Amino acid sequence: MVPVLFEVAGVPIYSHGFFLMLGLLTCLAVVVFEARRRRWPAGEVIPIGLAAFVGGMVGARVAMLFFHGWDAAPFVFVQQTYFDPAVGPGSILGGVVGAYIGGHLASRSLRNAGCTCDAFAPAMALGMAVGRIGDYLSAEDGLGKPTTLPWAVPVPGVDYLVHPAPLYDSAFNVLWFGALIALRDQPFLQNGNLLKLAIGGYAVFRFAIEFVRNNDVLAFGLTPQQYACLLTLGALAIYYVRPRQLASR
């Protein structure tokens, strides 16, 4: 593992924070490319993107209360810790939900704003693929549960091999990015539907991968992260099913 990549004037550059920033820049680059390709006005994309960024930061930290309890409160309510590279950004699930809420509220506040959120779907996937490399190099949460599979990896402090869970996440998001790029121009995946597909697809994957991660079980053999995935999928199901039920009446 390589928790510190290098030093600049004696200041350590942590792999977690470095690849997080690289992931954010990758996400931004894809959003800009998609916005230009779709000819969306900068007056809509920029404020929505900024709102999504802020919402993601806040959501990632607030979710720590749900996943880790009140012991995480100092990292949620002390704003200075948001920029501490040794702490990290928080929960990726909370970040995704917070970014969606922030972007949605910003788009609703803009008059005559089209739905630019679909540009964030492939951007989010590729950004997470890059960011998860930092999780692997920093051995976040001990990477994963013990395993004897051929690709198992060692981690500091234990005498057994574990699942490289962050690399599973990164590999999935690379494939998911390719799938979203291939589907981005489908008529039925416009007006926010591509982003909802991206979030739903990641929620399904994350629910499955939790079985090899080290997060604590909450109830019935499931982790808080898995319950968050179920809530996300339930909300998406209600969003799509309810209009059909109302239309059939």
Protein backbone atom coordinates (compact mmCIF):
# COMPACT_ATOMS: atom_id res chain seq x y z
CA MET A 1 0.00 0.00 0.00
CA VAL A 2 1.10 3.59 -0.68
CA PRO A 3 -0.80 5.95 1.66
CA VAL A 4 1.59 8.83 0.84
CA LEU A 5 2.50 9.25 -2.83
CA PHE A 6 5.17 11.94 -2.44
CA GLU A 7 5.99 15.15 -0.60
CA VAL A 8 6.03 18.75 -1.78
CA ALA A 9 8.19 21.03 0.35
CA GLY A 10 7.80 18.60 3.23
CA VAL A 11 4.02 18.40 2.90
CA PRO A 12 2.79 14.81 2.35
CA ILE A 13 0.51 14.23 -0.64
CA TYR A 14 -1.85 11.44 0.36
CA SER A 15 -2.89 8.93 -2.28
CA HIS A 16 -6.49 9.12 -1.11
CA GLY A 17 -6.74 12.88 -1.53
CA PHE A 18 -4.64 12.94 -4.71
CA PHE A 19 -6.82 10.46 -6.57
CA LEU A 20 -9.95 12.06 -5.15
CA MET A 21 -8.92 15.37 -6.72
CA LEU A 22 -7.91 13.61 -9.94
CA GLY A 23 -11.31 11.92 -9.99
CA LEU A 24 -13.08 15.25 -9.54
CA LEU A 25 -11.07 16.78 -12.38
CA THR A 26 -11.88 13.77 -14.57
CA CYS A 27 -15.56 14.17 -13.74
CA LEU A 28 -15.38 17.87 -14.59
CA ALA A 29 -13.65 17.17 -17.92
CA VAL A 30 -16.35 14.69 -18.96
CA VAL A 31 -19.13 17.09 -17.95
CA VAL A 32 -17.57 19.90 -19.99
CA PHE A 33 -17.12 17.61 -23.01
CA GLU A 34 -20.71 16.35 -22.78
CA ALA A 35 -22.12 19.84 -22.29
CA ARG A 36 -20.34 21.10 -25.41
CA ARG A 37 -21.34 18.03 -27.42
CA ARG A 38 -24.98 18.53 -26.46
CA ARG A 39 -24.65 22.32 -26.88
CA TRP A 40 -25.97 23.11 -23.44
CA PRO A 41 -25.53 26.73 -22.30
CA ALA A 42 -22.78 27.43 -19.79
CA GLY A 43 -25.25 29.57 -17.83
CA GLU A 44 -27.05 26.37 -16.85
CA VAL A 45 -24.22 23.85 -16.61
CA ILE A 46 -21.91 25.93 -14.37
CA PRO A 47 -24.35 26.72 -11.52
CA ILE A 48 -25.79 23.20 -11.59
CA GLY A 49 -22.28 21.74 -11.50
CA LEU A 50 -21.26 23.95 -8.58
CA ALA A 51 -24.42 23.07 -6.67
CA ALA A 52 -23.82 19.38 -7.32
CA PHE A 53 -20.23 19.73 -6.07
CA VAL A 54 -21.30 21.42 -2.83
CA GLY A 55 -24.17 18.99 -2.36
CA GLY A 56 -21.80 16.09 -2.89
CA MET A 57 -19.33 17.36 -0.29
CA VAL A 58 -22.04 17.91 2.31
CA GLY A 59 -23.84 14.66 1.50
CA ALA A 60 -20.63 12.64 1.78
CA ARG A 61 -20.03 13.94 5.30
CA VAL A 62 -23.63 13.89 6.55
CA ALA A 63 -23.93 10.25 5.46
CA MET A 64 -21.11 9.43 7.88
CA LEU A 65 -23.59 9.96 10.73
CA PHE A 66 -25.85 7.28 9.24
CA PHE A 67 -23.03 4.84 8.57
CA HIS A 68 -20.78 5.44 11.62
CA GLY A 69 -23.02 7.07 14.25
CA TRP A 70 -22.39 10.18 16.34
CA ASP A 71 -18.70 9.35 16.68
CA ALA A 72 -18.37 10.85 13.20
CA ALA A 73 -20.04 14.14 14.24
CA PRO A 74 -16.76 16.14 14.44
CA PHE A 75 -16.07 15.30 10.79
CA VAL A 76 -19.56 16.44 9.80
CA PHE A 77 -20.05 19.68 11.70
CA VAL A 78 -16.46 21.03 11.73
CA GLN A 79 -16.07 22.54 8.28
CA GLN A 80 -12.27 22.64 8.46
CA THR A 81 -12.14 18.84 8.32
CA TYR A 82 -13.80 18.92 4.88
CA PHE A 83 -10.43 19.91 3.42
CA ASP A 84 -8.23 17.69 5.60
CA PRO A 85 -6.57 15.18 3.23
CA ALA A 86 -5.93 12.79 6.11
CA VAL A 87 -9.66 12.46 6.82
CA GLY A 88 -10.94 11.90 3.31
CA PRO A 89 -14.18 13.02 1.68
CA GLY A 90 -16.61 10.73 3.49
CA SER A 91 -19.17 8.35 2.04
CA ILE A 92 -19.34 7.99 -1.74
CA LEU A 93 -23.00 6.98 -1.48
CA GLY A 94 -23.81 10.13 0.46
CA GLY A 95 -21.79 12.13 -2.05
CA VAL A 96 -23.79 10.76 -4.99
CA VAL A 97 -27.13 11.47 -3.31
CA GLY A 98 -26.02 14.92 -2.14
CA ALA A 99 -24.74 15.84 -5.60
CA TYR A 100 -28.02 14.76 -7.16
CA ILE A 101 -30.07 16.82 -4.68
CA GLY A 102 -27.83 19.87 -5.09
CA GLY A 103 -27.91 19.70 -8.88
CA HIS A 104 -31.66 19.11 -8.92
CA LEU A 105 -32.40 22.09 -6.67
CA ALA A 106 -30.14 24.31 -8.78
CA SER A 107 -31.81 23.21 -12.02
CA ARG A 108 -35.24 23.90 -10.53
CA SER A 109 -34.16 27.40 -9.49
CA LEU A 110 -33.05 28.37 -13.02
CA ARG A 111 -35.72 29.73 -15.32
CA ASN A 112 -36.02 27.99 -18.69
CA ALA A 113 -33.26 25.57 -17.71
CA GLY A 114 -33.16 22.32 -19.61
CA CYS A 115 -32.20 19.07 -17.95
CA THR A 116 -28.41 19.12 -18.11
CA CYS A 117 -28.04 16.43 -15.44
CA ASP A 118 -27.48 13.57 -17.90
CA ALA A 119 -23.98 14.93 -18.59
CA PHE A 120 -23.10 13.96 -15.04
CA ALA A 121 -23.98 10.27 -15.52
CA PRO A 122 -20.87 9.07 -17.40
CA ALA A 123 -18.79 11.73 -15.63
CA MET A 124 -19.73 10.36 -12.23
CA ALA A 125 -18.82 6.80 -13.24
CA LEU A 126 -15.40 7.68 -14.63
CA GLY A 127 -14.63 10.00 -11.72
CA MET A 128 -15.37 7.25 -9.20
CA ALA A 129 -13.25 4.79 -11.19
CA VAL A 130 -10.27 7.12 -10.77
CA GLY A 131 -11.01 8.02 -7.16
CA ARG A 132 -11.22 4.40 -6.02
CA ILE A 133 -7.55 3.90 -6.94
CA GLY A 134 -6.71 6.19 -4.04
CA ASP A 135 -8.89 4.10 -1.72
CA TYR A 136 -6.91 1.02 -2.75
CA LEU A 137 -3.48 2.63 -2.33
CA SER A 138 -4.43 3.97 1.12
CA ALA A 139 -5.96 0.60 2.17
CA GLU A 140 -9.17 2.34 3.20
CA ASP A 141 -11.25 0.29 5.68
CA GLY A 142 -8.80 -2.59 5.30
CA LEU A 143 -9.85 -2.97 1.64
CA GLY A 144 -12.05 -6.05 2.05
CA LYS A 145 -12.76 -9.34 3.78
CA PRO A 146 -10.31 -12.24 3.86
CA THR A 147 -10.17 -14.43 0.76
CA THR A 148 -8.01 -17.08 -0.90
CA LEU A 149 -8.80 -16.00 -4.46
CA PRO A 150 -5.80 -15.66 -6.79
CA TRP A 151 -6.07 -11.86 -6.95
CA ALA A 152 -6.21 -11.37 -3.17
CA VAL A 153 -3.85 -8.72 -1.80
CA PRO A 154 -2.01 -8.15 1.50
CA VAL A 155 -2.75 -5.21 3.77
CA PRO A 156 -0.64 -3.78 6.62
CA GLY A 157 -1.34 -5.13 10.09
CA VAL A 158 -2.83 -8.52 9.19
CA ASP A 159 -1.33 -11.87 8.20
CA TYR A 160 -3.94 -12.86 5.62
CA LEU A 161 -4.98 -11.76 2.13
CA VAL A 162 -8.13 -9.76 1.40
CA HIS A 163 -10.44 -8.74 -1.41
CA PRO A 164 -9.21 -5.59 -3.25
CA ALA A 165 -12.74 -4.17 -3.03
CA PRO A 166 -11.86 -0.64 -4.25
CA LEU A 167 -10.43 -2.14 -7.43
CA TYR A 168 -13.69 -4.05 -7.98
CA ASP A 169 -15.47 -0.71 -7.67
CA SER A 170 -13.05 0.97 -10.05
CA ALA A 171 -13.33 -1.79 -12.66
CA PHE A 172 -17.13 -1.73 -12.52
CA ASN A 173 -17.22 2.03 -12.97
CA VAL A 174 -14.95 1.85 -16.03
CA LEU A 175 -17.36 -0.65 -17.60
CA TRP A 176 -20.37 1.37 -16.44
CA PHE A 177 -18.87 4.50 -17.97
CA GLY A 178 -18.59 2.70 -21.32
CA ALA A 179 -22.18 1.49 -21.09
CA LEU A 180 -23.49 4.97 -20.24
CA ILE A 181 -21.55 6.51 -23.11
CA ALA A 182 -23.08 3.95 -25.46
CA LEU A 183 -26.60 4.67 -24.16
CA ARG A 184 -26.37 8.46 -23.75
CA ASP A 185 -28.19 9.37 -27.00
CA GLN A 186 -31.09 6.94 -26.62
CA PRO A 187 -34.38 8.91 -26.71
CA PHE A 188 -35.80 7.15 -23.67
CA LEU A 189 -32.74 8.07 -21.59
CA GLN A 190 -33.01 11.85 -21.86
CA ASN A 191 -34.33 14.46 -19.40
CA GLY A 192 -32.60 13.01 -16.38
CA ASN A 193 -33.25 9.34 -17.07
CA LEU A 194 -29.61 8.57 -17.92
CA LEU A 195 -28.47 9.94 -14.57
CA LYS A 196 -31.13 7.94 -12.74
CA LEU A 197 -29.96 4.82 -14.58
CA ALA A 198 -26.36 5.59 -13.57
CA ILE A 199 -27.30 5.97 -9.91
CA GLY A 200 -29.53 2.89 -9.92
CA GLY A 201 -26.89 0.75 -11.61
CA TYR A 202 -24.23 1.77 -9.13
CA ALA A 203 -26.62 1.12 -6.22
CA VAL A 204 -27.16 -2.45 -7.45
CA PHE A 205 -23.42 -3.02 -7.78
CA ARG A 206 -22.63 -1.43 -4.43
CA PHE A 207 -25.26 -3.57 -2.69
CA ALA A 208 -23.54 -6.70 -4.05
CA ILE A 209 -19.96 -5.63 -3.38
CA GLU A 210 -20.75 -4.82 0.25
CA PHE A 211 -20.67 -8.56 0.97
CA VAL A 212 -16.87 -8.52 0.52
CA ARG A 213 -16.22 -5.14 2.16
CA ASN A 214 -15.42 -4.56 5.85
CA ASN A 215 -18.35 -2.36 6.83
CA ASP A 216 -20.22 -3.28 10.01
CA VAL A 217 -23.51 -5.16 9.78
CA LEU A 218 -26.55 -3.19 10.90
CA ALA A 219 -29.38 -5.76 10.84
CA PHE A 220 -30.39 -8.98 9.06
CA GLY A 221 -26.85 -9.45 7.73
CA LEU A 222 -26.86 -6.16 5.80
CA THR A 223 -24.67 -3.08 6.26
CA PRO A 224 -25.91 0.53 6.50
CA GLN A 225 -24.52 1.06 2.99
CA GLN A 226 -26.70 -1.76 1.68
CA TYR A 227 -29.78 -0.25 3.29
CA ALA A 228 -28.88 3.06 1.65
CA CYS A 229 -28.71 1.26 -1.70
CA LEU A 230 -32.13 -0.29 -1.09
CA LEU A 231 -33.59 3.12 -0.20
CA THR A 232 -32.11 4.60 -3.38
CA LEU A 233 -33.52 1.82 -5.56
CA GLY A 234 -36.87 2.09 -3.80
CA ALA A 235 -37.02 5.84 -4.43
CA LEU A 236 -36.22 5.30 -8.12
CA ALA A 237 -38.88 2.60 -8.39
CA ILE A 238 -41.49 4.87 -6.83
CA TYR A 239 -40.48 7.69 -9.19
CA TYR A 240 -41.14 5.56 -12.27
CA VAL A 241 -44.06 3.43 -11.07
CA ARG A 242 -46.24 6.11 -9.47
CA PRO A 243 -46.89 8.19 -12.65
CA ARG A 244 -47.97 5.02 -14.47
CA GLN A 245 -50.38 4.15 -11.70
CA LEU A 246 -51.85 7.65 -11.73
CA ALA A 247 -52.15 7.58 -15.53
CA SER A 248 -54.00 4.25 -15.45
CA ARG A 249 -56.70 5.57 -13.13
